[in-house]
Amino acid sequence: MDSPVKDGKFDNISTPCYFDDPLDYDVPIPFTVQSGVLDIAITNSSVENFVNNGSSPDDDTEFQAKMMGGKRLITSIGSNFNTYLRKRIQAVDTLDDPYSGELVIVVNPVMTKVQLAQPGEVQGLTFENVYGVNDYPPTSDEYVGGNESNKYYTSWVFYKPLTVRFVSSGSATGYKYMTFSTHYDGD
């Protein structure tokens, strides 16, 4: 599979996000990929609330990300992501209880790993203010930060989208389809 961007280079991406209270801004959903299973890592109470409430992902956030490479085909959904989808469907279809029907992966996604650029590594830059002149050099030539606990701001994003089908009595076809994707600069 050809990558939409070159590995090791920075690109702008837009991917499903949630609002992280401790960081005080939107960040990509912390997907995990292991043995073909796509799941969501519960890294803090903000992620836990996002999953358990089936919150709508923020899809208007753009990030600069370093393409780390590696592509993984997804064949199933893990327990946390399953919980999230069932709660999200409950909200979308205005059900009294979480969706209990069958979830079918219609389009198997391919995931790739990225590392978010951290404008804070350059004094005076923020996600909103991308230009600055200051007295000190950047703390890193790659504008990345983080530590082991936040996995150096790495995240799995969609190289190919995921589409899940679920039964919906309010649909003309009897089904609805939920799709998650990542858009790369130039898409």
Protein backbone atom coordinates (compact mmCIF):
# COMPACT_ATOMS: atom_id res chain seq x y z
CA MET A 1 0.00 0.00 0.00
CA ASP A 2 1.34 3.40 -0.87
CA SER A 3 1.25 5.92 1.93
CA PRO A 4 -0.57 9.22 1.34
CA VAL A 5 2.54 10.89 2.77
CA LYS A 6 6.19 9.98 3.11
CA ASP A 7 7.15 8.25 6.35
CA GLY A 8 9.22 10.44 8.65
CA LYS A 9 7.87 13.68 7.16
CA PHE A 10 5.43 16.11 8.73
CA ASP A 11 1.96 16.56 7.28
CA ASN A 12 -1.32 18.14 8.34
CA ILE A 13 -3.95 15.59 9.33
CA SER A 14 -7.56 15.77 10.44
CA THR A 15 -8.71 12.75 12.42
CA PRO A 16 -11.46 11.93 14.98
CA CYS A 17 -10.66 13.64 18.29
CA TYR A 18 -11.94 14.10 21.82
CA PHE A 19 -11.44 16.97 24.27
CA ASP A 20 -8.79 16.08 26.84
CA ASP A 21 -9.43 17.97 30.08
CA PRO A 22 -5.89 17.67 31.53
CA LEU A 23 -4.35 18.96 28.27
CA ASP A 24 -7.18 21.46 27.71
CA TYR A 25 -7.45 20.84 23.95
CA ASP A 26 -8.64 18.30 21.39
CA VAL A 27 -6.40 15.31 20.73
CA PRO A 28 -6.82 12.24 18.53
CA ILE A 29 -8.77 9.34 19.99
CA PRO A 30 -6.08 7.10 21.56
CA PHE A 31 -6.59 4.07 19.34
CA THR A 32 -4.54 0.96 19.94
CA VAL A 33 -3.77 -1.72 17.40
CA GLN A 34 -2.76 -5.23 18.37
CA SER A 35 -3.08 -8.44 16.38
CA GLY A 36 -5.66 -6.93 14.02
CA VAL A 37 -7.83 -5.56 16.87
CA LEU A 38 -8.67 -1.84 16.97
CA ASP A 39 -9.44 -0.54 20.44
CA ILE A 40 -9.39 2.67 22.48
CA ALA A 41 -6.86 3.01 25.32
CA ILE A 42 -8.41 4.41 28.51
CA THR A 43 -5.56 6.76 29.37
CA ASN A 44 -7.43 9.16 31.67
CA SER A 45 -10.91 10.17 32.84
CA SER A 46 -11.49 12.31 29.71
CA VAL A 47 -11.10 9.25 27.47
CA GLU A 48 -13.20 7.14 29.84
CA ASN A 49 -16.02 9.72 29.73
CA PHE A 50 -15.73 9.99 25.93
CA VAL A 51 -16.11 6.19 25.59
CA ASN A 52 -18.82 5.70 28.21
CA ASN A 53 -20.91 8.64 27.00
CA GLY A 54 -20.58 7.79 23.30
CA SER A 55 -19.64 11.40 22.65
CA SER A 56 -19.54 12.65 19.09
CA PRO A 57 -15.91 12.91 17.96
CA ASP A 58 -14.62 16.34 17.02
CA ASP A 59 -13.68 16.13 13.36
CA ASP A 60 -12.71 19.75 12.75
CA THR A 61 -9.30 19.61 14.41
CA GLU A 62 -6.14 19.62 12.34
CA PHE A 63 -2.73 18.55 13.60
CA GLN A 64 0.77 18.59 12.29
CA ALA A 65 2.02 15.04 12.56
CA LYS A 66 5.19 13.18 11.78
CA MET A 67 4.40 10.08 9.76
CA MET A 68 5.90 7.15 11.66
CA GLY A 69 4.93 4.54 9.09
CA GLY A 70 3.74 1.00 9.50
CA LYS A 71 0.31 -0.08 8.33
CA ARG A 72 -1.93 -2.56 10.13
CA LEU A 73 -5.06 -4.20 8.76
CA ILE A 74 -7.91 -4.28 11.28
CA THR A 75 -10.13 -7.35 11.41
CA SER A 76 -12.03 -6.78 14.67
CA ILE A 77 -12.99 -4.23 17.29
CA GLY A 78 -11.81 -4.33 20.92
CA SER A 79 -14.00 -4.03 24.01
CA ASN A 80 -13.56 -0.29 24.71
CA PHE A 81 -14.19 0.67 21.08
CA ASN A 82 -17.18 -1.71 21.04
CA THR A 83 -18.58 0.06 24.13
CA TYR A 84 -18.01 3.43 22.48
CA LEU A 85 -19.75 2.40 19.24
CA ARG A 86 -22.78 1.03 21.10
CA LYS A 87 -23.12 4.23 23.16
CA ARG A 88 -22.60 6.40 20.06
CA ILE A 89 -25.29 4.46 18.17
CA GLN A 90 -27.59 4.95 21.17
CA ALA A 91 -27.12 8.71 20.82
CA VAL A 92 -27.39 8.73 17.00
CA ASP A 93 -30.55 6.60 16.93
CA THR A 94 -31.95 8.13 20.17
CA LEU A 95 -32.32 4.74 21.82
CA ASP A 96 -33.23 4.29 25.49
CA ASP A 97 -30.36 1.84 26.05
CA PRO A 98 -26.98 1.19 24.42
CA TYR A 99 -27.29 -0.57 21.07
CA SER A 100 -27.28 -4.34 21.63
CA GLY A 101 -27.52 -5.56 18.03
CA GLU A 102 -24.85 -6.80 15.70
CA LEU A 103 -21.96 -4.57 14.64
CA VAL A 104 -20.50 -5.54 11.27
CA ILE A 105 -17.27 -4.13 9.87
CA VAL A 106 -18.21 -3.37 6.26
CA VAL A 107 -14.88 -1.78 5.34
CA ASN A 108 -11.85 -3.07 7.23
CA PRO A 109 -9.59 -0.15 8.06
CA VAL A 110 -5.87 0.06 7.75
CA MET A 111 -4.21 2.05 10.53
CA THR A 112 -0.90 3.90 10.49
CA LYS A 113 1.06 5.52 13.29
CA VAL A 114 1.81 9.22 13.64
CA GLN A 115 3.54 11.42 16.18
CA LEU A 116 1.90 14.78 16.80
CA ALA A 117 4.11 17.81 16.41
CA GLN A 118 4.19 19.89 19.55
CA PRO A 119 4.37 23.59 18.71
CA GLY A 120 5.15 24.18 22.40
CA GLU A 121 8.61 22.75 21.73
CA VAL A 122 9.32 26.08 20.04
CA GLN A 123 8.90 28.95 22.47
CA GLY A 124 5.99 31.17 21.49
CA LEU A 125 4.23 28.72 19.17
CA THR A 126 0.86 27.18 19.93
CA PHE A 127 -1.66 25.16 17.95
CA GLU A 128 -3.35 28.45 17.06
CA ASN A 129 -0.20 30.57 16.59
CA VAL A 130 2.02 28.80 14.08
CA TYR A 131 4.55 31.58 13.52
CA GLY A 132 6.93 33.10 16.03
CA VAL A 133 10.19 34.95 16.47
CA ASN A 134 11.93 34.43 19.78
CA ASP A 135 15.24 34.52 21.63
CA TYR A 136 15.79 30.77 22.03
CA PRO A 137 16.21 27.83 19.68
CA PRO A 138 13.71 24.97 19.58
CA THR A 139 14.16 22.26 22.20
CA SER A 140 13.98 19.68 19.42
CA ASP A 141 14.70 19.78 15.70
CA GLU A 142 11.62 17.64 15.09
CA TYR A 143 9.17 19.71 17.15
CA VAL A 144 7.99 16.69 19.05
CA GLY A 145 7.66 16.26 22.77
CA GLY A 146 6.16 14.05 25.36
CA ASN A 147 7.35 11.23 27.52
CA GLU A 148 6.74 7.53 28.14
CA SER A 149 3.40 8.07 29.89
CA ASN A 150 1.87 9.82 26.84
CA LYS A 151 3.80 7.63 24.38
CA TYR A 152 5.56 10.72 23.03
CA TYR A 153 2.27 11.89 21.51
CA THR A 154 2.07 8.97 19.11
CA SER A 155 -1.31 7.85 17.86
CA TRP A 156 -2.84 5.40 15.42
CA VAL A 157 -4.88 7.06 12.69
CA PHE A 158 -6.82 5.77 9.69
CA TYR A 159 -4.83 5.16 6.53
CA LYS A 160 -7.98 3.54 5.07
CA PRO A 161 -11.37 4.30 6.68
CA LEU A 162 -13.44 2.09 8.96
CA THR A 163 -17.14 1.61 8.21
CA VAL A 164 -19.38 -0.23 10.66
CA ARG A 165 -22.96 -1.28 9.87
CA PHE A 166 -25.72 -1.50 12.46
CA VAL A 167 -29.45 -2.23 12.37
CA SER A 168 -31.62 0.89 12.49
CA SER A 169 -35.41 0.89 12.28
CA GLY A 170 -35.27 4.59 11.31
CA SER A 171 -33.35 3.89 8.12
CA ALA A 172 -34.88 3.28 4.70
CA THR A 173 -32.57 0.27 4.23
CA GLY A 174 -32.90 -1.06 7.80
CA TYR A 175 -29.22 -0.27 8.39
CA LYS A 176 -27.04 2.74 9.13
CA TYR A 177 -23.32 3.01 8.48
CA MET A 178 -20.81 4.79 10.72
CA THR A 179 -17.47 5.72 9.14
CA PHE A 180 -14.23 6.91 10.76
CA SER A 181 -11.39 8.28 8.63
CA THR A 182 -8.32 10.50 8.65
CA HIS A 183 -7.73 13.17 6.03
CA TYR A 184 -4.21 14.12 5.01
CA ASP A 185 -3.06 17.44 3.59
CA GLY A 186 -3.96 17.40 -0.07
CA ASP A 187 -6.88 14.95 0.31
